[in-house]
Protein backbone atom coordinates (compact mmCIF):
# COMPACT_ATOMS: atom_id res chain seq x y z
CA MET A 1 60.34 68.00 22.29
CA VAL A 2 61.55 64.44 21.29
CA VAL A 3 64.30 63.18 19.26
CA VAL A 4 63.95 59.58 17.78
CA ALA A 5 66.94 57.27 17.41
CA ILE A 6 66.56 53.97 15.52
CA LEU A 7 69.03 51.16 16.00
CA ALA A 8 69.73 49.90 12.42
CA ALA A 9 73.33 48.89 12.45
CA GLY A 10 73.11 45.13 12.74
CA ARG A 11 73.58 42.63 10.09
CA GLY A 12 70.79 40.15 11.01
CA THR A 13 72.91 37.05 10.35
CA ARG A 14 69.81 34.77 11.00
CA MET A 15 68.12 36.14 8.02
CA LYS A 16 70.79 34.51 5.87
CA SER A 17 70.74 37.40 3.47
CA GLN A 18 73.06 39.89 1.87
CA LEU A 19 70.25 42.55 2.42
CA PRO A 20 70.57 44.49 5.72
CA LYS A 21 67.92 43.21 8.08
CA VAL A 22 65.98 46.58 8.25
CA LEU A 23 65.51 46.76 4.49
CA HIS A 24 63.62 43.42 4.34
CA SER A 25 60.01 44.00 3.23
CA LEU A 26 56.99 43.57 5.30
CA GLY A 27 53.59 44.17 3.49
CA GLY A 28 55.21 46.43 0.77
CA ARG A 29 57.42 48.47 3.02
CA SER A 30 60.77 47.84 4.63
CA LEU A 31 60.85 47.14 8.39
CA ILE A 32 62.68 50.56 9.08
CA GLU A 33 60.02 52.45 6.96
CA ARG A 34 57.22 51.01 9.32
CA VAL A 35 59.24 51.98 12.25
CA LEU A 36 59.58 55.49 10.91
CA GLU A 37 55.81 55.62 10.03
CA SER A 38 54.98 54.80 13.70
CA VAL A 39 56.67 57.83 15.06
CA GLU A 40 55.27 60.39 12.60
CA PRO A 41 52.33 61.40 14.94
CA LEU A 42 54.80 62.39 17.70
CA SER A 43 56.25 64.77 15.25
CA PRO A 44 59.94 64.42 16.48
CA SER A 45 62.28 67.23 16.00
CA ARG A 46 64.91 65.04 14.65
CA ARG A 47 65.08 61.40 13.45
CA LEU A 48 68.48 59.76 13.79
CA VAL A 49 69.08 56.32 12.16
CA ILE A 50 72.19 54.54 13.59
CA VAL A 51 73.76 52.35 10.77
CA GLY A 52 76.63 50.11 10.58
CA TYR A 53 76.47 46.89 8.35
CA GLN A 54 75.98 48.00 4.66
CA ALA A 55 75.55 51.52 5.94
CA GLU A 56 75.51 52.87 2.36
CA GLU A 57 72.91 50.55 1.08
CA VAL A 58 70.55 51.50 4.05
CA LYS A 59 71.13 55.24 3.21
CA ALA A 60 70.55 54.76 -0.38
CA ALA A 61 67.34 53.00 0.27
CA MET A 62 66.08 55.83 2.58
CA GLN A 63 67.19 58.75 0.62
CA SER A 64 63.63 59.56 -0.45
CA VAL A 65 62.72 60.12 3.21
CA PRO A 66 63.17 63.87 4.06
CA ASN A 67 65.13 65.10 7.06
CA LEU A 68 66.41 61.85 8.09
CA GLU A 69 69.98 61.71 9.59
CA PHE A 70 72.32 58.92 9.76
CA VAL A 71 74.88 58.26 12.56
CA GLU A 72 77.69 55.56 11.84
CA GLN A 73 78.42 52.81 14.20
CA THR A 74 81.41 51.40 12.61
CA VAL A 75 81.96 48.59 15.11
CA GLN A 76 78.81 47.14 16.44
CA GLN A 77 79.49 46.69 20.28
CA GLY A 78 75.99 46.63 21.68
CA THR A 79 72.99 48.95 22.08
CA GLY A 80 74.68 51.11 24.66
CA HIS A 81 77.57 51.55 22.34
CA ALA A 82 75.23 52.49 19.50
CA ILE A 83 73.63 55.22 21.65
CA GLN A 84 76.98 56.49 22.66
CA GLN A 85 77.50 57.50 18.97
CA LEU A 86 74.85 60.19 19.57
CA LEU A 87 76.73 62.16 22.10
CA PRO A 88 78.39 64.55 19.55
CA HIS A 89 75.18 64.82 17.51
CA LEU A 90 72.97 65.76 20.50
CA GLU A 91 75.48 68.06 22.28
CA GLY A 92 73.42 70.78 24.12
CA TYR A 93 70.22 69.01 23.60
CA SER A 94 67.82 69.10 26.70
CA GLY A 95 64.67 67.31 25.47
CA ASP A 96 63.72 63.53 25.47
CA LEU A 97 65.15 60.67 23.47
CA LEU A 98 62.94 57.95 22.09
CA VAL A 99 65.03 54.80 21.28
CA LEU A 100 63.42 52.21 18.88
CA ASN A 101 64.78 49.08 17.03
CA GLY A 102 64.67 49.01 13.21
CA ASP A 103 63.67 45.41 13.38
CA VAL A 104 60.54 45.90 15.43
CA PRO A 105 57.90 46.90 12.77
CA LEU A 106 54.55 46.38 14.57
CA LEU A 107 54.61 49.00 17.24
CA SER A 108 51.69 51.19 16.96
CA SER A 109 51.74 55.08 17.12
CA GLN A 110 49.26 54.77 20.04
CA THR A 111 51.67 52.78 22.06
CA LEU A 112 54.53 55.23 21.41
CA GLN A 113 52.36 58.28 22.22
CA ASN A 114 51.33 56.46 25.55
CA LEU A 115 55.05 55.84 26.41
CA TRP A 116 56.19 59.44 25.78
CA GLN A 117 53.05 60.90 27.48
CA THR A 118 53.64 58.87 30.70
CA HIS A 119 57.37 59.78 30.51
CA GLN A 120 56.54 63.54 30.49
CA GLU A 121 53.58 63.37 32.97
CA HIS A 122 55.72 61.78 35.67
CA GLN A 123 58.83 63.47 34.85
CA ASN A 124 60.87 60.41 34.54
CA ALA A 125 64.49 60.09 33.89
CA ALA A 126 63.64 57.15 31.69
CA THR A 127 60.40 55.14 30.78
CA ILE A 128 60.65 51.77 29.29
CA LEU A 129 58.08 49.70 27.37
CA ALA A 130 57.32 46.21 28.65
CA ALA A 131 54.83 43.47 27.66
CA TYR A 132 53.48 40.24 29.04
CA LEU A 133 54.42 37.39 26.92
CA PRO A 134 52.84 33.91 26.85
CA ASP A 135 56.34 32.36 26.55
CA PRO A 136 58.85 34.85 27.96
CA ARG A 137 61.94 32.57 27.55
CA GLY A 138 64.87 34.26 26.20
CA TYR A 139 63.63 37.86 27.30
CA GLY A 140 64.97 39.92 30.14
CA ARG A 141 62.37 40.11 32.82
CA VAL A 142 61.08 43.37 34.17
CA PHE A 143 60.34 43.79 37.99
CA CYS A 144 58.62 46.92 39.39
CA ASP A 145 56.86 48.16 42.51
CA SER A 146 53.16 48.87 42.88
CA GLU A 147 53.66 52.33 41.21
CA ASN A 148 55.22 50.72 38.08
CA ILE A 149 58.55 52.09 39.10
CA LEU A 150 61.45 49.91 37.72
CA GLN A 151 63.37 47.94 40.41
CA HIS A 152 65.27 45.40 38.28
CA ILE A 153 65.65 44.12 34.68
CA ILE A 154 67.14 40.69 35.02
CA GLU A 155 68.29 38.68 31.96
CA ASP A 156 66.72 35.18 31.36
CA LYS A 157 69.82 33.45 31.95
CA ASP A 158 70.32 35.16 35.34
CA CYS A 159 66.83 34.58 36.69
CA THR A 160 65.95 32.32 39.40
CA THR A 161 63.51 29.50 39.00
CA ALA A 162 60.83 31.73 40.70
CA GLN A 163 61.91 34.84 38.72
CA LYS A 164 61.37 33.00 35.46
CA HIS A 165 57.65 32.60 36.06
CA ASN A 166 57.37 36.35 35.67
CA ARG A 167 56.14 36.92 32.04
CA ARG A 168 56.71 40.68 32.12
CA VAL A 169 59.55 41.49 29.79
CA ASN A 170 61.61 44.19 28.52
CA ALA A 171 60.55 45.32 24.97
CA GLY A 172 63.70 47.16 24.21
CA VAL A 173 61.92 50.54 23.54
CA TYR A 174 63.07 53.45 25.77
CA CYS A 175 62.21 57.08 26.40
CA PHE A 176 65.13 58.90 28.26
CA ARG A 177 65.47 62.34 29.46
CA TRP A 178 68.66 62.92 27.25
CA GLN A 179 70.60 64.98 29.75
CA ASN A 180 70.52 62.23 32.40
CA LEU A 181 71.38 59.65 29.80
CA ALA A 182 74.25 61.57 28.32
CA GLN A 183 75.96 61.80 31.64
CA VAL A 184 75.83 57.96 32.09
CA LEU A 185 76.82 56.89 28.54
CA PRO A 186 80.50 57.58 28.76
CA HIS A 187 80.75 55.31 31.96
CA LEU A 188 79.15 52.30 30.58
CA GLU A 189 81.39 49.07 31.06
CA ALA A 190 81.39 46.05 28.94
CA ASN A 191 81.45 43.46 31.84
CA ASN A 192 79.73 40.57 30.01
CA ASN A 193 80.76 37.56 27.96
CA GLN A 194 80.08 39.42 24.77
CA LYS A 195 82.18 42.40 25.68
CA GLU A 196 79.27 44.67 24.65
CA TYR A 197 77.76 47.84 26.09
CA TYR A 198 74.25 47.48 27.01
CA LEU A 199 71.80 50.17 27.16
CA THR A 200 69.90 48.30 29.98
CA ASP A 201 72.90 49.09 32.11
CA ALA A 202 72.39 52.84 31.65
CA VAL A 203 68.67 52.37 32.70
CA SER A 204 69.64 51.54 36.15
CA GLN A 205 71.84 54.58 36.39
CA VAL A 206 69.78 57.60 35.02
CA GLY A 207 67.35 58.04 37.95
CA LYS A 208 63.67 57.29 38.42
CA VAL A 209 62.45 54.79 35.79
CA MET A 210 58.85 53.86 35.14
CA THR A 211 57.42 51.04 33.02
CA VAL A 212 54.54 51.16 30.74
CA ASP A 213 52.95 47.98 29.41
CA VAL A 214 51.73 47.57 25.84
CA GLU A 215 48.17 46.27 25.45
CA ASP A 216 49.05 43.79 22.69
CA TYR A 217 52.36 42.03 23.10
CA GLN A 218 52.59 41.17 19.46
CA GLU A 219 53.45 44.80 18.90
CA ILE A 220 56.96 44.28 20.38
CA LEU A 221 57.97 41.14 18.44
CA GLY A 222 61.24 41.66 16.70
CA ILE A 223 62.27 40.22 13.32
CA ASN A 224 65.44 37.98 13.38
CA ASP A 225 64.80 35.29 10.76
CA ARG A 226 62.45 34.47 7.88
CA LEU A 227 60.07 32.69 10.18
CA GLN A 228 59.62 35.81 12.41
CA LEU A 229 59.16 37.81 9.28
CA ALA A 230 56.31 35.49 8.19
CA LYS A 231 54.70 35.66 11.63
CA ALA A 232 54.86 39.39 11.54
CA TYR A 233 53.19 39.41 8.11
CA GLU A 234 50.34 37.18 9.39
CA ILE A 235 49.79 39.56 12.39
CA LEU A 236 49.82 42.52 10.09
CA GLN A 237 47.33 40.97 7.59
CA LYS A 238 44.96 39.95 10.54
CA ARG A 239 44.85 43.64 11.65
CA ILE A 240 44.20 44.95 8.12
CA LYS A 241 41.53 42.43 7.23
CA GLU A 242 39.68 42.82 10.50
CA LYS A 243 39.70 46.57 9.95
CA TRP A 244 38.14 46.35 6.43
CA MET A 245 35.60 43.74 7.35
CA LEU A 246 34.49 46.04 10.21
CA ALA A 247 34.26 48.90 7.83
CA GLY A 248 31.87 46.91 5.51
CA VAL A 249 34.04 45.22 3.07
CA THR A 250 33.35 41.56 2.38
CA LEU A 251 36.41 39.21 2.24
CA ILE A 252 35.49 35.77 1.08
CA ASP A 253 37.99 33.34 2.55
CA PRO A 254 40.23 36.04 4.14
CA ASN A 255 43.10 33.57 4.81
CA SER A 256 43.73 33.43 1.03
CA ILE A 257 43.59 37.16 0.54
CA THR A 258 46.29 39.67 1.13
CA ILE A 259 46.09 43.39 1.53
CA ASP A 260 48.77 46.07 1.98
CA ASP A 261 47.94 48.57 4.63
CA THR A 262 48.32 51.28 1.97
CA VAL A 263 45.38 50.06 0.29
CA GLU A 264 41.88 51.93 0.63
CA LEU A 265 38.52 50.10 0.31
CA GLU A 266 35.08 51.47 0.38
CA PRO A 267 31.97 49.76 1.86
CA ASP A 268 30.32 47.04 -0.26
CA VAL A 269 33.52 46.03 -1.98
CA ILE A 270 33.64 42.24 -2.39
CA ILE A 271 36.98 40.58 -2.48
CA GLU A 272 37.08 36.86 -3.76
CA PRO A 273 39.73 34.21 -2.74
CA GLN A 274 43.29 34.24 -4.01
CA THR A 275 43.23 38.12 -4.56
CA HIS A 276 46.10 40.34 -3.59
CA LEU A 277 45.95 44.11 -3.27
CA ARG A 278 49.20 46.02 -3.11
CA GLY A 279 50.54 49.54 -2.82
CA ASN A 280 48.59 52.74 -3.30
CA THR A 281 45.36 50.96 -4.47
CA VAL A 282 41.90 52.40 -4.01
CA ILE A 283 38.78 50.41 -4.77
CA LYS A 284 35.53 52.11 -4.58
CA ALA A 285 32.06 50.95 -3.45
CA GLY A 286 30.21 48.01 -5.17
CA SER A 287 33.27 46.63 -6.97
CA HIS A 288 33.71 42.95 -7.16
CA ILE A 289 37.33 41.86 -7.35
CA GLY A 290 38.51 38.28 -7.95
CA PRO A 291 38.93 35.49 -7.60
CA GLY A 292 42.55 35.04 -8.41
CA SER A 293 43.37 38.79 -9.19
CA LEU A 294 46.31 41.10 -8.40
CA ILE A 295 45.93 44.80 -8.34
CA GLU A 296 48.72 47.15 -7.58
CA ASN A 297 49.07 50.95 -7.42
CA SER A 298 45.71 51.35 -9.12
CA GLN A 299 42.47 53.18 -8.84
CA ILE A 300 39.15 51.20 -9.34
CA SER A 301 36.03 53.14 -9.43
CA GLU A 302 32.49 51.99 -8.37
CA ASN A 303 30.89 48.87 -9.54
CA VAL A 304 33.80 47.42 -11.49
CA THR A 305 34.25 43.73 -11.70
CA VAL A 306 37.73 42.24 -12.05
CA LEU A 307 38.01 38.45 -12.67
CA TYR A 308 41.38 36.51 -12.65
CA SER A 309 43.22 39.57 -13.86
CA VAL A 310 46.34 41.56 -13.08
CA ILE A 311 46.13 45.42 -12.81
CA LYS A 312 49.30 47.61 -12.29
CA GLY A 313 49.74 51.35 -12.31
CA SER A 314 46.17 51.72 -13.96
CA THR A 315 42.87 53.56 -13.65
CA VAL A 316 39.43 51.95 -14.27
CA GLN A 317 36.31 53.94 -14.19
CA ALA A 318 32.78 52.92 -13.13
CA GLY A 319 30.89 49.93 -14.26
CA THR A 320 33.72 48.45 -16.35
CA GLN A 321 34.07 44.58 -16.65
CA LEU A 322 37.61 43.08 -16.74
CA GLY A 323 38.60 39.56 -17.35
CA PRO A 324 39.03 36.70 -17.16
CA TYR A 325 42.74 36.86 -17.84
CA THR A 326 43.21 40.61 -18.57
CA HIS A 327 46.47 42.35 -17.94
CA LEU A 328 46.74 46.19 -17.63
CA ARG A 329 50.07 47.74 -16.99
CA GLY A 330 51.88 51.06 -17.62
CA GLN A 331 49.45 53.75 -16.74
CA VAL A 332 46.36 52.32 -18.55
CA GLN A 333 43.22 54.47 -18.27
CA ILE A 334 39.87 52.85 -18.99
CA GLY A 335 36.66 54.72 -19.15
CA ALA A 336 33.34 53.90 -17.72
CA GLY A 337 31.06 51.04 -18.87
CA CYS A 338 33.91 49.24 -21.04
CA ARG A 339 34.58 45.59 -21.36
CA ILE A 340 38.02 44.26 -21.42
CA GLY A 341 37.90 40.45 -21.80
CA ASN A 342 39.72 37.34 -22.09
CA PHE A 343 43.32 37.23 -22.70
CA VAL A 344 43.68 41.06 -23.36
CA GLU A 345 46.75 43.07 -22.58
CA LEU A 346 46.65 46.75 -22.47
CA LYS A 347 49.84 48.95 -22.07
CA ASN A 348 50.08 52.71 -21.63
CA THR A 349 46.72 52.92 -23.24
CA GLU A 350 43.72 55.06 -22.90
CA LEU A 351 40.14 53.90 -23.67
CA GLY A 352 37.09 56.13 -23.68
CA ASP A 353 33.66 55.23 -22.15
CA ARG A 354 31.81 52.17 -23.49
CA THR A 355 34.76 50.81 -25.37
CA ASN A 356 35.18 47.14 -25.70
CA VAL A 357 38.11 44.90 -26.22
CA ALA A 358 36.61 41.56 -25.65
CA HIS A 359 39.27 38.88 -26.34
CA LEU A 360 42.71 37.99 -27.51
CA SER A 361 44.14 41.43 -28.27
CA TYR A 362 47.19 43.55 -27.46
CA LEU A 363 46.92 47.47 -27.38
CA GLY A 364 50.18 49.20 -26.60
CA ASP A 365 50.71 52.97 -26.62
CA THR A 366 47.17 53.37 -27.88
CA THR A 367 44.56 56.05 -27.47
CA ALA A 368 40.92 54.94 -28.31
CA GLY A 369 37.63 57.07 -28.15
CA THR A 370 34.28 56.12 -26.99
CA LYS A 371 32.11 53.33 -28.18
CA VAL A 372 35.11 51.68 -29.91
CA ASN A 373 34.99 47.91 -30.58
CA ILE A 374 38.20 46.23 -31.10
CA GLY A 375 37.67 42.80 -32.62
CA ALA A 376 39.33 39.49 -31.54
CA GLY A 377 43.06 39.25 -32.22
CA THR A 378 43.56 42.94 -32.95
CA ILE A 379 47.16 44.13 -32.28
CA THR A 380 48.63 47.59 -32.26
CA ALA A 381 52.33 47.13 -33.53
CA ASN A 382 53.89 49.86 -31.46
CA TYR A 383 57.64 49.06 -31.65
CA ASP A 384 59.81 49.58 -34.62
CA GLY A 385 62.83 48.02 -33.12
CA VAL A 386 64.14 51.41 -31.79
CA LYS A 387 61.28 53.48 -30.59
CA LYS A 388 57.63 53.09 -29.38
CA HIS A 389 54.95 54.80 -31.39
CA ARG A 390 51.35 55.63 -30.66
CA THR A 391 48.10 54.46 -32.44
CA LYS A 392 44.95 56.83 -32.18
CA ILE A 393 41.56 55.39 -32.83
CA GLY A 394 38.50 57.73 -33.16
CA ASP A 395 35.07 57.28 -31.66
CA ARG A 396 32.79 54.34 -32.69
CA THR A 397 35.46 52.97 -34.68
CA LYS A 398 35.44 49.19 -35.12
CA THR A 399 38.33 46.74 -36.12
CA GLY A 400 37.66 43.28 -37.47
CA SER A 401 39.35 40.08 -36.09
CA ASN A 402 43.05 39.59 -36.73
CA SER A 403 43.75 43.15 -37.62
CA VAL A 404 47.19 44.80 -37.14
CA LEU A 405 47.63 48.53 -36.68
CA VAL A 406 51.15 49.47 -37.34
CA ALA A 407 52.05 52.68 -35.43
CA PRO A 408 52.35 55.41 -35.76
CA VAL A 409 48.81 55.49 -37.31
CA THR A 410 45.52 57.35 -36.70
CA LEU A 411 42.02 55.83 -37.56
CA GLY A 412 39.24 58.65 -37.59
CA ASN A 413 35.80 58.40 -36.21
CA ASP A 414 33.31 55.79 -37.50
CA VAL A 415 36.10 53.83 -39.23
CA TYR A 416 35.54 50.10 -40.09
CA VAL A 417 38.73 47.90 -40.44
CA ALA A 418 38.05 44.75 -42.38
CA ALA A 419 39.04 41.47 -40.66
CA GLY A 420 42.67 40.43 -41.40
CA SER A 421 43.81 43.80 -42.41
CA THR A 422 47.39 45.27 -41.83
CA VAL A 423 46.85 48.99 -41.59
CA THR A 424 49.96 51.22 -42.02
CA GLU A 425 48.53 54.53 -43.26
CA ASP A 426 46.04 56.94 -41.54
CA VAL A 427 42.40 56.37 -42.25
CA PRO A 428 39.89 59.38 -42.52
CA ASP A 429 36.55 59.59 -40.79
CA ASP A 430 33.58 57.34 -41.99
CA SER A 431 35.73 55.01 -44.06
CA LEU A 432 36.07 51.28 -44.58
CA VAL A 433 39.74 50.24 -44.82
CA ILE A 434 40.68 46.78 -46.39
CA ALA A 435 44.33 46.06 -46.20
CA ARG A 436 44.83 42.41 -47.08
CA ALA A 437 45.81 40.35 -50.07
CA ARG A 438 43.10 39.26 -52.48
CA GLN A 439 42.11 35.71 -51.96
CA VAL A 440 43.22 33.36 -54.75
CA VAL A 441 41.74 29.81 -55.22
CA LYS A 442 43.59 27.39 -57.52
CA PRO A 443 41.53 24.21 -58.20
CA GLY A 444 43.44 20.93 -58.65
CA TRP A 445 46.33 22.00 -56.62
CA ARG A 446 46.90 18.65 -55.08
CA ASN A 447 50.08 17.25 -55.97
CA LYS A 448 49.05 13.94 -57.74
CA SER A 449 52.54 12.57 -58.31
CA ALA A 450 53.12 12.58 -54.69
CA GLU A 451 50.39 10.07 -54.32
CA SER A 452 51.43 7.71 -56.91
């Protein structure tokens, strides 16, 4: 049995932000959400988040996460002081405690599982995570014997010249036998310049401590400023893009492409430069996306092409062509074999199979059937100044250029709308509707007196 405690009380002054550090976004999710995700495979019995700075904002941001408990550290006096706040919450608990930092978002579940498994197999009082850094300056150095039993953790400023050559550093991730730690916590002392209580002081007092090394040191990198946040995003993107390219996805110019790790791609998808895939997006085999496109929280079926377009919260069926400069938003559903072309915006609209909206049109709150053709410049006027209304267009109906359909209005099947019409009333099946003023030509209209 393991309980997870996440340190999330700090302000993060170097972020220079009013937003608590752990709520800053990394690839579409907050730092603390990524930490919580990494512990899911461990199935912890409890998840405790230690909050302090703007505690209510952190709680509000995490309210959708089930079974999350918050512990207040009203005054931030170090990591040891933070864990001391758990004493009343874990009274009588006899399992393990995994301590993580809310600003270290790149740790993998495999690393944490290895740490906990080693802790249990060797019946350690504590097991700490370490890493070999190319440049260990500023980190506490870890010194162990040949069996990886911890001997010392020495802070960088206290290391001798020889000790500073040791690149093995403390990652700040710990697994404790809680009963051992609980006996030590009340006796920690703040004998340092910062007058803070350090969890590393408890490590040396709990009993047998073993060290586990992380394979990729980048997993332990913390976020203290915007530069480090950008570096973490770069690392995350490299992982994601390597994964998909090895799975059969073509990324043309990967450096110009960004992909959230919540996105799902199938083999033989091609992603062109300057394309960005966000949120819970799925793109199926054979689709060609970009260049210059943004797709967010959308489902794209097989063999769809998207060129210089923005798609949000929408579904596109197989064989449809989008763009250039198409904008889909607000739960748009497009059928198979459609063409949505240049400078077309669709909002909260459903299109049946083989329907075309080729250019220069806006359809809002519209339902259109199959084989519909929307002429250039067609607009559904869906807003009366108070409410939005729907337009319904039947199968095989065609609108001429520069038509306006004033909702609420229904066009039946096989309707033809004459170019330039403003349609305000329902039109029955198999009809031609002409709703425009009769053309009048007045010869000799030129104002001759103005030329004299």
